[in-house]
Amino acid sequence: MAEIAFWSAVVLIAFTYVGYSLVILVLSRLVHNPVKRSPIEPKVTYLITAYNEEKNIAAKLEQVMTLDYPGDKLEIIVASDGSTDRTDEIVKGFADRGVKLIRVEGRMGKTETQNQAVKQASGDIVIFSDATTRYERSAIRNLVRNYADPSVGAVSGRYEYCNPTGAAIGLGSILFWKYENMIKTMQTNIKTITGCCGCIYSVRREAYTPLPADIISDLVEPLKVLEKGYRIVFEPEAIAFEETTEKSKEEFRMRVRVITRGMRGLLYMKMLFNPFRYPFVSFQLLSHKVLRWFIPVFLAVALVSNLFLAGVPFYSATLALQLSFYALALIGFVAEKRNILAKPLTIPLYFVTVNLAAVVAMYRIWKGHKAVTWETVRK
């Protein structure tokens, strides 16, 4: 039984990180559904959701105004989630340049703040961003050209992370998102992706669905678009630049919130797990979301079952490898605490951090916790 448990866990871990990617790669070679892109110029609402962003909001608005898109077709809205600093005051200073402030009282959270702002948006396409992200100059054009295809209901851009301090946890984020971008590109070639990059994604305003406050919008809003019969595409040439977190505790805190909201979001959209009605979508959600969140469970099974098998030389070696990996993560954490740069420890530290976050998120879901509000992590 211990041997069956060990190999079952190993197979599930391997499929989640490698097997799924290979399946998507093969499918992308066999099935190709191109997006009919065209250089169109619809009316666009650029929506920035902010909470206490006085340090970043002015630079963000200045940068948005340099983007390559006609000014008469670009509506810029800052939706303030009950900010208590100078964010609103700073935004009001841009009113004569066409920037609109929508203040949502009561600290309602990002999703509800977006709901309220979209009601007042005039654009045919709504682009969602935040105050710390910088867009490549042609990002808006590259996003909206996909909407020339009437089957497209949402478009995600691409994160390009930078790590100015060289922090190990930041390097882990960069590697993770390179992997994610590769997967999203292949998913689009097949038919559709199932989630967007939160700081650079867009939807047709007519396809937007107001969501409950505790639901993560960049995952569930695209799924609601899918439910309406549209496809979601990944646009690799629409680039958003973002700085990584610098400490594992920052990444951990952010991942707990994101995973908690993601889990609750998939429970909300459980109808998409019907393989008869949504075969490709349900396969993606199960393989790329649910199994990934359950990786810490599989890791625990692999470790505990390996302890029972350690009398056999092969399994003694696998146990040693597992313990060594976790030891490297611990060393990486200690090095980080002492401000020692340890790039070789990037993968173990990041891997353990995000999987511990998944454990906490599962516990919070079990306890009925709802992550509604958010705090800025990246400065």
Protein backbone atom coordinates (compact mmCIF):
# COMPACT_ATOMS: atom_id res chain seq x y z
CA MET A 1 0.00 0.00 0.00
CA ALA A 2 2.85 2.39 0.78
CA GLU A 3 4.37 1.71 -2.64
CA ILE A 4 1.04 2.35 -4.40
CA ALA A 5 0.58 5.60 -2.45
CA PHE A 6 4.13 6.74 -3.23
CA TRP A 7 3.94 6.16 -6.98
CA SER A 8 0.41 7.53 -7.24
CA ALA A 9 1.61 10.77 -5.65
CA VAL A 10 4.69 10.90 -7.87
CA VAL A 11 2.62 10.36 -11.03
CA LEU A 12 0.14 13.09 -10.05
CA ILE A 13 2.96 15.55 -9.32
CA ALA A 14 4.72 14.69 -12.57
CA PHE A 15 1.52 15.03 -14.59
CA THR A 16 0.67 18.39 -13.03
CA TYR A 17 4.03 19.98 -13.79
CA VAL A 18 5.21 18.06 -16.87
CA GLY A 19 2.56 15.73 -18.26
CA TYR A 20 -0.11 18.40 -18.65
CA SER A 21 2.34 20.65 -20.51
CA LEU A 22 3.22 17.82 -22.88
CA VAL A 23 -0.46 17.05 -23.52
CA ILE A 24 -1.13 20.71 -24.33
CA LEU A 25 1.96 20.83 -26.55
CA VAL A 26 0.79 17.81 -28.56
CA LEU A 27 -2.76 19.16 -28.84
CA SER A 28 -1.47 22.55 -30.01
CA ARG A 29 0.35 20.76 -32.86
CA LEU A 30 -2.73 18.77 -33.86
CA VAL A 31 -5.47 21.37 -33.34
CA HIS A 32 -5.13 24.97 -34.46
CA ASN A 33 -7.88 27.56 -34.10
CA PRO A 34 -6.33 30.88 -35.14
CA VAL A 35 -7.71 34.18 -33.88
CA LYS A 36 -8.79 36.54 -36.66
CA ARG A 37 -6.82 39.59 -35.56
CA SER A 38 -7.21 43.00 -37.20
CA PRO A 39 -5.99 46.54 -36.25
CA ILE A 40 -9.35 47.88 -35.04
CA GLU A 41 -9.86 50.91 -32.77
CA PRO A 42 -12.98 50.42 -30.60
CA LYS A 43 -13.81 52.68 -27.65
CA VAL A 44 -11.76 51.40 -24.71
CA THR A 45 -12.15 51.93 -20.97
CA TYR A 46 -8.87 51.55 -19.12
CA LEU A 47 -9.87 50.70 -15.54
CA ILE A 48 -7.35 50.99 -12.70
CA THR A 49 -8.54 49.54 -9.39
CA ALA A 50 -6.67 51.09 -6.47
CA TYR A 51 -6.49 51.09 -2.71
CA ASN A 52 -4.09 53.50 -0.96
CA GLU A 53 -1.80 53.93 -3.97
CA GLU A 54 -0.60 57.48 -3.39
CA LYS A 55 2.99 56.41 -4.09
CA ASN A 56 2.21 54.92 -7.49
CA ILE A 57 -0.97 56.37 -8.98
CA ALA A 58 0.44 59.59 -10.50
CA ALA A 59 3.24 57.76 -12.31
CA LYS A 60 0.75 55.14 -13.45
CA LEU A 61 -1.61 57.71 -14.97
CA GLU A 62 1.25 59.55 -16.67
CA GLN A 63 2.38 56.27 -18.19
CA VAL A 64 -1.11 55.32 -19.40
CA MET A 65 -1.32 58.62 -21.26
CA THR A 66 1.79 57.74 -23.26
CA LEU A 67 0.27 54.50 -24.60
CA ASP A 68 -0.31 54.22 -28.33
CA TYR A 69 -4.06 54.56 -28.63
CA PRO A 70 -6.29 57.45 -29.81
CA GLY A 71 -7.09 59.75 -26.91
CA ASP A 72 -10.67 60.29 -28.07
CA LYS A 73 -11.27 56.53 -27.89
CA LEU A 74 -9.61 55.92 -24.54
CA GLU A 75 -11.51 56.44 -21.30
CA ILE A 76 -9.34 56.28 -18.17
CA ILE A 77 -11.06 55.43 -14.89
CA VAL A 78 -9.53 55.02 -11.44
CA ALA A 79 -11.82 53.02 -9.16
CA SER A 80 -10.81 53.74 -5.57
CA ASP A 81 -11.81 51.10 -3.04
CA GLY A 82 -12.36 53.48 -0.14
CA SER A 83 -8.74 54.72 -0.15
CA THR A 84 -7.75 56.54 3.05
CA ASP A 85 -4.55 58.20 1.81
CA ARG A 86 -4.07 60.84 -0.92
CA THR A 87 -4.94 58.51 -3.82
CA ASP A 88 -8.27 60.17 -4.63
CA GLU A 89 -6.84 63.67 -4.32
CA ILE A 90 -4.03 62.85 -6.74
CA VAL A 91 -6.45 61.31 -9.26
CA LYS A 92 -8.67 64.41 -9.11
CA GLY A 93 -5.62 66.39 -10.20
CA PHE A 94 -5.81 64.57 -13.54
CA ALA A 95 -9.49 65.42 -14.13
CA ASP A 96 -8.64 68.15 -16.65
CA ARG A 97 -6.81 65.51 -18.67
CA GLY A 98 -9.84 63.28 -18.87
CA VAL A 99 -9.23 60.92 -15.96
CA LYS A 100 -12.39 59.91 -14.11
CA LEU A 101 -12.44 58.97 -10.43
CA ILE A 102 -15.04 56.53 -9.14
CA ARG A 103 -14.90 56.13 -5.38
CA VAL A 104 -16.55 53.07 -3.84
CA GLU A 105 -17.22 53.56 -0.15
CA GLY A 106 -17.05 50.91 2.54
CA ARG A 107 -13.87 49.02 1.51
CA MET A 108 -15.78 46.59 -0.70
CA GLY A 109 -12.79 44.78 -2.22
CA LYS A 110 -11.34 44.69 -5.70
CA THR A 111 -14.08 42.67 -7.39
CA GLU A 112 -16.99 44.77 -6.15
CA THR A 113 -15.07 47.96 -6.91
CA GLN A 114 -14.66 46.74 -10.48
CA ASN A 115 -18.35 45.87 -10.65
CA GLN A 116 -19.31 49.43 -9.70
CA ALA A 117 -16.83 50.99 -12.11
CA VAL A 118 -17.85 48.87 -15.12
CA LYS A 119 -21.44 50.13 -14.67
CA GLN A 120 -20.15 53.61 -15.47
CA ALA A 121 -17.71 52.61 -18.21
CA SER A 122 -18.46 53.78 -21.74
CA GLY A 123 -15.95 51.66 -23.64
CA ASP A 124 -16.89 48.67 -25.77
CA ILE A 125 -13.81 46.97 -24.34
CA VAL A 126 -12.80 47.24 -20.68
CA ILE A 127 -9.13 46.73 -19.77
CA PHE A 128 -8.35 45.94 -16.12
CA SER A 129 -5.10 47.09 -14.57
CA ASP A 130 -3.66 48.24 -11.26
CA ALA A 131 -1.46 51.06 -10.02
CA THR A 132 1.91 49.30 -10.02
CA THR A 133 1.86 47.78 -13.51
CA ARG A 134 3.47 49.49 -16.50
CA TYR A 135 2.22 48.65 -20.00
CA GLU A 136 4.36 48.37 -23.11
CA ARG A 137 3.45 51.25 -25.43
CA SER A 138 1.43 49.17 -27.94
CA ALA A 139 -0.24 46.95 -25.32
CA ILE A 140 -3.76 48.34 -25.77
CA ARG A 141 -3.64 47.99 -29.56
CA ASN A 142 -2.32 44.46 -29.24
CA LEU A 143 -5.11 43.52 -26.83
CA VAL A 144 -8.01 45.00 -28.82
CA ARG A 145 -6.96 43.67 -32.23
CA ASN A 146 -8.18 40.26 -31.03
CA TYR A 147 -11.74 41.59 -30.72
CA ALA A 148 -11.96 41.80 -34.51
CA ASP A 149 -12.82 38.11 -34.11
CA PRO A 150 -16.47 38.01 -32.94
CA SER A 151 -15.86 34.71 -31.12
CA VAL A 152 -13.46 36.42 -28.70
CA GLY A 153 -14.98 37.68 -25.45
CA ALA A 154 -11.88 38.25 -23.31
CA VAL A 155 -8.17 38.77 -23.93
CA SER A 156 -5.29 38.38 -21.51
CA GLY A 157 -1.94 40.07 -21.90
CA ARG A 158 1.44 38.83 -20.74
CA TYR A 159 3.32 39.55 -17.53
CA GLU A 160 6.97 40.47 -17.92
CA TYR A 161 8.44 40.42 -14.43
CA CYS A 162 11.59 42.22 -13.39
CA ASN A 163 13.57 41.54 -10.24
CA PRO A 164 15.73 44.60 -9.51
CA THR A 165 17.17 43.25 -6.25
CA GLY A 166 17.83 39.73 -7.56
CA ALA A 167 15.83 38.22 -4.68
CA ALA A 168 15.53 34.43 -4.84
CA ILE A 169 11.74 34.49 -4.44
CA GLY A 170 11.55 37.02 -7.27
CA LEU A 171 13.55 34.77 -9.57
CA GLY A 172 11.09 32.00 -8.76
CA SER A 173 8.19 34.24 -9.83
CA ILE A 174 9.92 35.00 -13.13
CA LEU A 175 10.44 31.31 -13.89
CA PHE A 176 6.84 30.49 -12.91
CA TRP A 177 5.36 33.13 -15.21
CA LYS A 178 7.54 32.14 -18.13
CA TYR A 179 6.07 28.65 -17.72
CA GLU A 180 2.54 30.09 -17.42
CA ASN A 181 2.93 32.24 -20.53
CA MET A 182 4.10 29.22 -22.52
CA ILE A 183 1.04 27.23 -21.41
CA LYS A 184 -1.36 30.07 -22.20
CA THR A 185 0.09 30.46 -25.70
CA MET A 186 -0.48 26.79 -26.46
CA GLN A 187 -3.98 26.83 -24.92
CA THR A 188 -4.94 29.72 -27.20
CA ASN A 189 -3.65 27.84 -30.25
CA ILE A 190 -5.99 24.98 -29.34
CA LYS A 191 -9.10 27.01 -28.51
CA THR A 192 -9.21 28.99 -25.27
CA ILE A 193 -7.50 29.77 -21.99
CA THR A 194 -9.33 29.60 -18.66
CA GLY A 195 -7.85 32.48 -16.68
CA CYS A 196 -6.27 35.85 -17.33
CA CYS A 197 -3.34 37.84 -15.96
CA GLY A 198 -4.94 40.10 -13.37
CA CYS A 199 -3.00 43.27 -14.19
CA ILE A 200 -3.53 43.12 -17.95
CA TYR A 201 -6.74 41.56 -19.15
CA SER A 202 -9.81 42.77 -20.97
CA VAL A 203 -13.42 41.81 -21.71
CA ARG A 204 -16.20 42.94 -24.00
CA ARG A 205 -18.32 45.21 -21.82
CA GLU A 206 -21.47 43.48 -23.08
CA ALA A 207 -20.08 40.15 -21.86
CA TYR A 208 -19.11 41.39 -18.39
CA THR A 209 -20.89 39.73 -15.45
CA PRO A 210 -20.95 41.38 -11.99
CA LEU A 211 -19.40 38.93 -9.52
CA PRO A 212 -19.74 38.36 -5.76
CA ALA A 213 -17.17 40.34 -3.76
CA ASP A 214 -15.28 37.25 -2.54
CA ILE A 215 -14.69 35.90 -6.06
CA ILE A 216 -11.39 36.51 -7.87
CA SER A 217 -12.24 38.44 -11.02
CA ASP A 218 -9.30 37.61 -13.32
CA LEU A 219 -10.15 33.90 -13.04
CA VAL A 220 -13.94 33.88 -12.76
CA GLU A 221 -14.83 36.79 -15.06
CA PRO A 222 -13.18 35.03 -18.04
CA LEU A 223 -14.97 31.81 -17.05
CA LYS A 224 -18.29 33.65 -17.11
CA VAL A 225 -17.35 34.89 -20.58
CA LEU A 226 -16.66 31.28 -21.59
CA GLU A 227 -20.02 30.26 -20.20
CA LYS A 228 -21.64 32.75 -22.59
CA GLY A 229 -20.10 31.00 -25.58
CA TYR A 230 -17.07 33.21 -26.23
CA ARG A 231 -13.44 32.15 -26.29
CA ILE A 232 -10.63 33.71 -24.27
CA VAL A 233 -7.27 34.31 -25.91
CA PHE A 234 -3.76 35.06 -24.72
CA GLU A 235 -2.00 37.92 -26.50
CA PRO A 236 1.75 37.55 -25.91
CA GLU A 237 2.55 40.91 -27.51
CA ALA A 238 0.41 42.85 -25.02
CA ILE A 239 2.98 43.18 -22.25
CA ALA A 240 2.68 44.45 -18.69
CA PHE A 241 5.83 45.06 -16.67
CA GLU A 242 5.69 44.29 -12.97
CA GLU A 243 8.24 44.01 -10.19
CA THR A 244 8.37 40.74 -8.29
CA THR A 245 8.03 40.43 -4.55
CA GLU A 246 11.32 40.59 -2.67
CA LYS A 247 10.57 38.42 0.35
CA SER A 248 9.04 34.97 0.62
CA LYS A 249 6.62 36.22 3.31
CA GLU A 250 5.25 38.77 0.81
CA GLU A 251 4.85 36.12 -1.87
CA PHE A 252 3.30 33.74 0.65
CA ARG A 253 0.74 36.30 1.81
CA MET A 254 -0.20 37.20 -1.76
CA ARG A 255 -0.47 33.55 -2.84
CA VAL A 256 -2.68 32.64 0.11
CA ARG A 257 -5.12 35.39 -0.88
CA VAL A 258 -5.03 34.56 -4.60
CA ILE A 259 -5.40 30.80 -4.12
CA THR A 260 -8.19 31.21 -1.54
CA ARG A 261 -10.13 33.40 -3.94
CA GLY A 262 -9.31 31.08 -6.83
CA MET A 263 -10.62 28.02 -4.98
CA ARG A 264 -13.79 29.83 -4.03
CA GLY A 265 -14.08 30.99 -7.63
CA LEU A 266 -13.97 27.46 -9.03
CA LEU A 267 -16.54 26.32 -6.48
CA TYR A 268 -18.70 29.15 -7.78
CA MET A 269 -18.14 28.00 -11.38
CA LYS A 270 -18.36 24.25 -10.69
CA MET A 271 -20.67 23.75 -13.68
CA LEU A 272 -17.63 24.14 -15.96
CA PHE A 273 -16.25 20.84 -14.65
CA ASN A 274 -18.87 19.00 -16.71
CA PRO A 275 -16.67 17.15 -19.27
CA PHE A 276 -19.61 16.45 -21.57
CA ARG A 277 -20.51 20.11 -21.99
CA TYR A 278 -17.07 21.71 -21.52
CA PRO A 279 -14.52 19.00 -22.35
CA PHE A 280 -11.41 21.14 -22.96
CA VAL A 281 -12.27 23.70 -20.29
CA SER A 282 -12.92 21.09 -17.60
CA PHE A 283 -9.67 19.32 -18.50
CA GLN A 284 -7.73 22.57 -18.15
CA LEU A 285 -9.32 23.54 -14.85
CA LEU A 286 -8.77 20.13 -13.30
CA SER A 287 -5.21 19.70 -14.57
CA HIS A 288 -3.88 23.23 -14.33
CA LYS A 289 -5.75 24.56 -11.30
CA VAL A 290 -7.17 21.89 -9.00
CA LEU A 291 -4.28 19.41 -9.23
CA ARG A 292 -1.75 22.21 -8.77
CA TRP A 293 -3.48 23.37 -5.59
CA PHE A 294 -3.43 19.78 -4.31
CA ILE A 295 0.31 19.39 -4.91
CA PRO A 296 1.10 19.80 -1.16
CA VAL A 297 -1.23 16.88 -0.43
CA PHE A 298 0.58 14.74 -3.00
CA LEU A 299 3.94 15.86 -1.57
CA ALA A 300 2.88 14.85 1.93
CA VAL A 301 1.71 11.44 0.68
CA ALA A 302 4.99 10.93 -1.19
CA LEU A 303 7.04 11.81 1.90
CA VAL A 304 5.07 9.78 4.45
CA SER A 305 4.80 6.69 2.24
CA ASN A 306 8.50 6.98 1.46
CA LEU A 307 9.27 6.75 5.18
CA PHE A 308 7.64 3.30 5.26
CA LEU A 309 9.69 2.20 2.26
CA ALA A 310 13.06 3.55 3.39
CA GLY A 311 14.48 0.09 4.12
CA VAL A 312 14.86 -0.52 0.38
CA PRO A 313 17.97 1.18 -1.14
CA PHE A 314 16.03 2.82 -3.99
CA TYR A 315 13.46 4.30 -1.65
CA SER A 316 16.18 5.37 0.79
CA ALA A 317 17.61 7.41 -2.07
CA THR A 318 14.25 8.97 -2.96
CA LEU A 319 13.72 9.86 0.71
CA ALA A 320 17.13 11.49 0.84
CA LEU A 321 16.30 13.51 -2.28
CA GLN A 322 13.03 14.73 -0.80
CA LEU A 323 14.58 15.71 2.51
CA SER A 324 17.47 17.43 0.73
CA PHE A 325 15.08 19.49 -1.38
CA TYR A 326 13.19 20.72 1.69
CA ALA A 327 16.49 21.41 3.45
CA LEU A 328 17.57 23.59 0.53
CA ALA A 329 14.30 25.52 0.77
CA LEU A 330 14.92 26.06 4.49
CA ILE A 331 18.47 27.22 3.84
CA GLY A 332 17.14 29.57 1.18
CA PHE A 333 14.67 31.01 3.68
CA VAL A 334 17.39 31.54 6.28
CA ALA A 335 19.65 33.14 3.66
CA GLU A 336 16.83 35.49 2.69
CA LYS A 337 16.28 36.47 6.33
CA ARG A 338 19.97 37.38 6.53
CA ASN A 339 19.86 39.25 3.20
CA ILE A 340 22.17 36.74 1.55
CA LEU A 341 21.56 36.31 -2.19
CA ALA A 342 21.33 32.57 -2.95
CA LYS A 343 20.20 32.09 -6.56
CA PRO A 344 20.74 28.28 -6.58
CA LEU A 345 18.05 28.03 -3.90
CA THR A 346 15.46 29.90 -5.97
CA ILE A 347 13.38 26.91 -7.09
CA PRO A 348 13.21 25.08 -3.72
CA LEU A 349 12.31 28.29 -1.85
CA TYR A 350 9.64 29.39 -4.33
CA PHE A 351 8.18 25.87 -4.66
CA VAL A 352 7.80 25.39 -0.93
CA THR A 353 6.45 28.92 -0.42
CA VAL A 354 3.61 28.60 -2.94
CA ASN A 355 2.69 25.11 -1.79
CA LEU A 356 2.55 26.16 1.85
CA ALA A 357 0.29 28.98 0.69
CA ALA A 358 -1.99 26.40 -0.95
CA VAL A 359 -2.22 24.50 2.36
CA VAL A 360 -3.27 27.65 4.20
CA ALA A 361 -5.75 28.49 1.44
CA MET A 362 -7.36 25.04 1.71
CA TYR A 363 -7.68 25.48 5.46
CA ARG A 364 -9.31 28.89 4.96
CA ILE A 365 -11.79 27.46 2.46
CA TRP A 366 -12.64 24.68 4.90
CA LYS A 367 -13.20 27.28 7.65
CA GLY A 368 -15.39 29.37 5.35
CA HIS A 369 -12.98 32.32 5.13
CA LYS A 370 -13.67 34.84 2.37
CA ALA A 371 -10.77 36.97 1.08
CA VAL A 372 -12.56 40.10 -0.10
CA THR A 373 -10.18 43.04 0.43
CA TRP A 374 -6.53 43.27 -0.51
CA GLU A 375 -3.43 45.20 0.49
CA THR A 376 -0.71 46.33 -1.88
CA VAL A 377 2.24 43.93 -1.69
CA ARG A 378 4.57 45.24 -4.40
CA LYS A 379 5.70 48.79 -3.74
